[in-house]
């Protein structure tokens, strides 16, 4: 169900706020947008990028920041839906990164879940994946 205007606005602010803190490498700022639960989950595209809880998520953030700097974050096709105290979002996000090997854009697909607790929305789950460019348009499975 599409989120009402107030929920849309609040969830968008949490989405933007968390990524602004990420871009600034502000660990406590990023974590302030997340529920303090031991089972928050963040899944990335890397083979080992699955963080459960704030300790693992913090380690993943530190690793991200050690491997390069985010210059900008672009967001397209942002959709917020909600039912009661749960909201879910989808977006196409592009990270423009600078690393030791150069600058590049990393386009990802993002889904996430937030819960409204004590009057504010907080992330509880996020999944970021990179489209598999080796598969052509209209191809669901990799070639054998």
Protein backbone atom coordinates (compact mmCIF):
# COMPACT_ATOMS: atom_id res chain seq x y z
CA UNK A 1 0.00 0.00 0.00
CA UNK A 2 1.43 3.38 -0.97
CA UNK A 3 2.39 5.42 2.09
CA UNK A 4 0.27 8.43 3.00
CA UNK A 5 1.90 11.85 2.53
CA UNK A 6 3.08 12.22 6.14
CA UNK A 7 4.61 8.74 6.20
CA UNK A 8 6.16 9.34 2.78
CA UNK A 9 7.78 12.56 4.04
CA UNK A 10 9.04 11.03 7.31
CA UNK A 11 10.42 7.88 5.66
CA UNK A 12 12.11 9.95 2.95
CA UNK A 13 13.80 12.07 5.63
CA UNK A 14 15.12 8.95 7.38
CA UNK A 15 16.33 7.54 4.05
CA UNK A 16 18.14 10.76 3.12
CA UNK A 17 19.46 11.37 6.63
CA UNK A 18 21.02 7.94 6.93
CA UNK A 19 22.76 8.24 3.56
CA UNK A 20 24.01 11.77 4.33
CA UNK A 21 25.58 10.41 7.52
CA UNK A 22 27.04 7.50 5.50
CA UNK A 23 28.57 9.91 2.99
CA UNK A 24 30.16 11.88 5.87
CA UNK A 25 31.54 8.66 7.43
CA UNK A 26 29.59 9.43 10.58
CA UNK A 27 29.20 6.07 12.32
CA UNK A 28 27.04 7.28 15.21
CA UNK A 29 24.99 9.34 12.75
CA UNK A 30 24.28 6.30 10.56
CA UNK A 31 23.41 4.13 13.56
CA UNK A 32 21.03 6.79 14.92
CA UNK A 33 18.70 5.97 12.02
CA UNK A 34 18.66 2.25 12.86
CA UNK A 35 16.77 0.34 15.52
CA UNK A 36 19.14 -0.79 18.29
CA UNK A 37 18.03 -4.41 17.84
CA UNK A 38 20.42 -7.38 17.81
CA UNK A 39 18.79 -8.65 14.61
CA UNK A 40 18.88 -5.62 12.29
CA UNK A 41 20.03 -6.96 8.93
CA UNK A 42 22.04 -5.36 6.15
CA UNK A 43 22.87 -7.39 3.04
CA UNK A 44 25.15 -6.12 0.28
CA UNK A 45 26.40 -7.58 -2.99
CA UNK A 46 29.79 -8.75 -1.73
CA UNK A 47 30.23 -12.41 -0.92
CA UNK A 48 30.67 -11.64 2.79
CA UNK A 49 28.40 -8.60 3.06
CA UNK A 50 25.76 -9.81 5.46
CA UNK A 51 25.59 -7.97 8.77
CA UNK A 52 23.33 -9.01 11.63
CA UNK A 53 23.17 -6.54 14.52
CA UNK A 54 24.83 -3.20 15.06
CA UNK A 55 28.31 -4.60 15.81
CA UNK A 56 28.60 -6.40 12.46
CA UNK A 57 26.95 -3.48 10.66
CA UNK A 58 29.43 -1.04 12.23
CA UNK A 59 32.33 -3.22 11.07
CA UNK A 60 30.91 -3.29 7.55
CA UNK A 61 30.56 0.49 7.51
CA UNK A 62 34.16 0.94 8.67
CA UNK A 63 35.34 -1.43 5.94
CA UNK A 64 33.35 0.47 3.30
CA UNK A 65 34.88 3.76 4.38
CA UNK A 66 38.41 2.32 4.51
CA UNK A 67 38.11 1.19 0.89
CA UNK A 68 37.01 4.47 -0.65
CA UNK A 69 35.16 7.73 -0.30
CA UNK A 70 31.62 8.38 -1.47
CA UNK A 71 31.60 11.63 -3.44
CA UNK A 72 27.85 11.69 -4.10
CA UNK A 73 24.75 9.53 -3.85
CA UNK A 74 22.02 9.69 -6.48
CA UNK A 75 18.54 8.30 -5.93
CA UNK A 76 15.91 7.49 -8.55
CA UNK A 77 12.62 5.62 -8.54
CA UNK A 78 12.17 5.97 -4.76
CA UNK A 79 8.93 4.36 -3.55
CA UNK A 80 7.71 4.23 0.05
CA UNK A 81 4.88 1.93 1.06
CA UNK A 82 3.48 1.32 4.52
CA UNK A 83 0.96 -0.55 6.64
CA UNK A 84 0.58 0.58 10.23
CA UNK A 85 3.95 0.92 11.93
CA UNK A 86 5.93 -0.80 9.14
CA UNK A 87 7.20 0.88 5.98
CA UNK A 88 9.21 -0.54 3.12
CA UNK A 89 11.17 1.31 0.48
CA UNK A 90 12.68 0.59 -2.90
CA UNK A 91 15.05 2.77 -4.89
CA UNK A 92 17.72 2.78 -7.55
CA UNK A 93 20.80 4.32 -5.93
CA UNK A 94 24.09 5.32 -7.53
CA UNK A 95 27.17 5.78 -5.38
CA UNK A 96 29.90 7.87 -7.00
CA UNK A 97 33.04 6.60 -5.27
CA UNK A 98 36.68 7.57 -5.22
CA UNK A 99 39.16 4.81 -4.41
CA UNK A 100 42.90 4.26 -4.81
CA UNK A 101 42.20 2.82 -8.27
CA UNK A 102 40.11 5.77 -9.47
CA UNK A 103 36.59 7.15 -9.48
CA UNK A 104 33.54 5.22 -10.59
CA UNK A 105 29.77 4.97 -10.30
CA UNK A 106 28.24 1.96 -8.60
CA UNK A 107 24.55 1.57 -9.45
CA UNK A 108 22.63 -0.56 -6.96
CA UNK A 109 19.07 -1.62 -6.24
CA UNK A 110 17.95 -1.07 -2.68
CA UNK A 111 15.08 -2.42 -0.63
CA UNK A 112 14.60 -1.67 3.03
CA UNK A 113 12.20 -1.98 5.93
CA UNK A 114 11.57 0.59 8.65
CA UNK A 115 9.47 0.47 11.81
CA UNK A 116 7.88 3.41 13.56
CA UNK A 117 8.90 3.33 17.20
CA UNK A 118 8.28 6.00 19.79
CA UNK A 119 7.10 8.37 17.08
CA UNK A 120 10.02 7.99 14.65
CA UNK A 121 10.88 5.71 11.76
CA UNK A 122 13.95 3.50 12.11
CA UNK A 123 15.63 1.13 9.68
CA UNK A 124 15.49 -2.56 10.60
CA UNK A 125 16.50 -4.21 7.32
CA UNK A 126 18.26 -3.21 4.09
CA UNK A 127 19.33 -5.13 1.02
CA UNK A 128 21.53 -3.61 -1.66
CA UNK A 129 22.41 -5.51 -4.82
CA UNK A 130 24.20 -4.74 -8.04
CA UNK A 131 22.50 -5.78 -11.26
CA UNK A 132 24.34 -8.61 -13.02
CA UNK A 133 25.52 -6.95 -16.21
CA UNK A 134 26.75 -10.28 -17.60
CA UNK A 135 23.13 -11.27 -18.22
CA UNK A 136 21.44 -9.62 -21.16
CA UNK A 137 18.07 -7.90 -21.25
CA UNK A 138 15.30 -10.49 -20.84
CA UNK A 139 17.62 -13.19 -19.48
CA UNK A 140 16.53 -14.50 -16.07
CA UNK A 141 19.21 -17.14 -15.55
CA UNK A 142 22.95 -17.24 -16.23
CA UNK A 143 24.07 -19.29 -19.20
CA UNK A 144 25.30 -22.78 -18.31
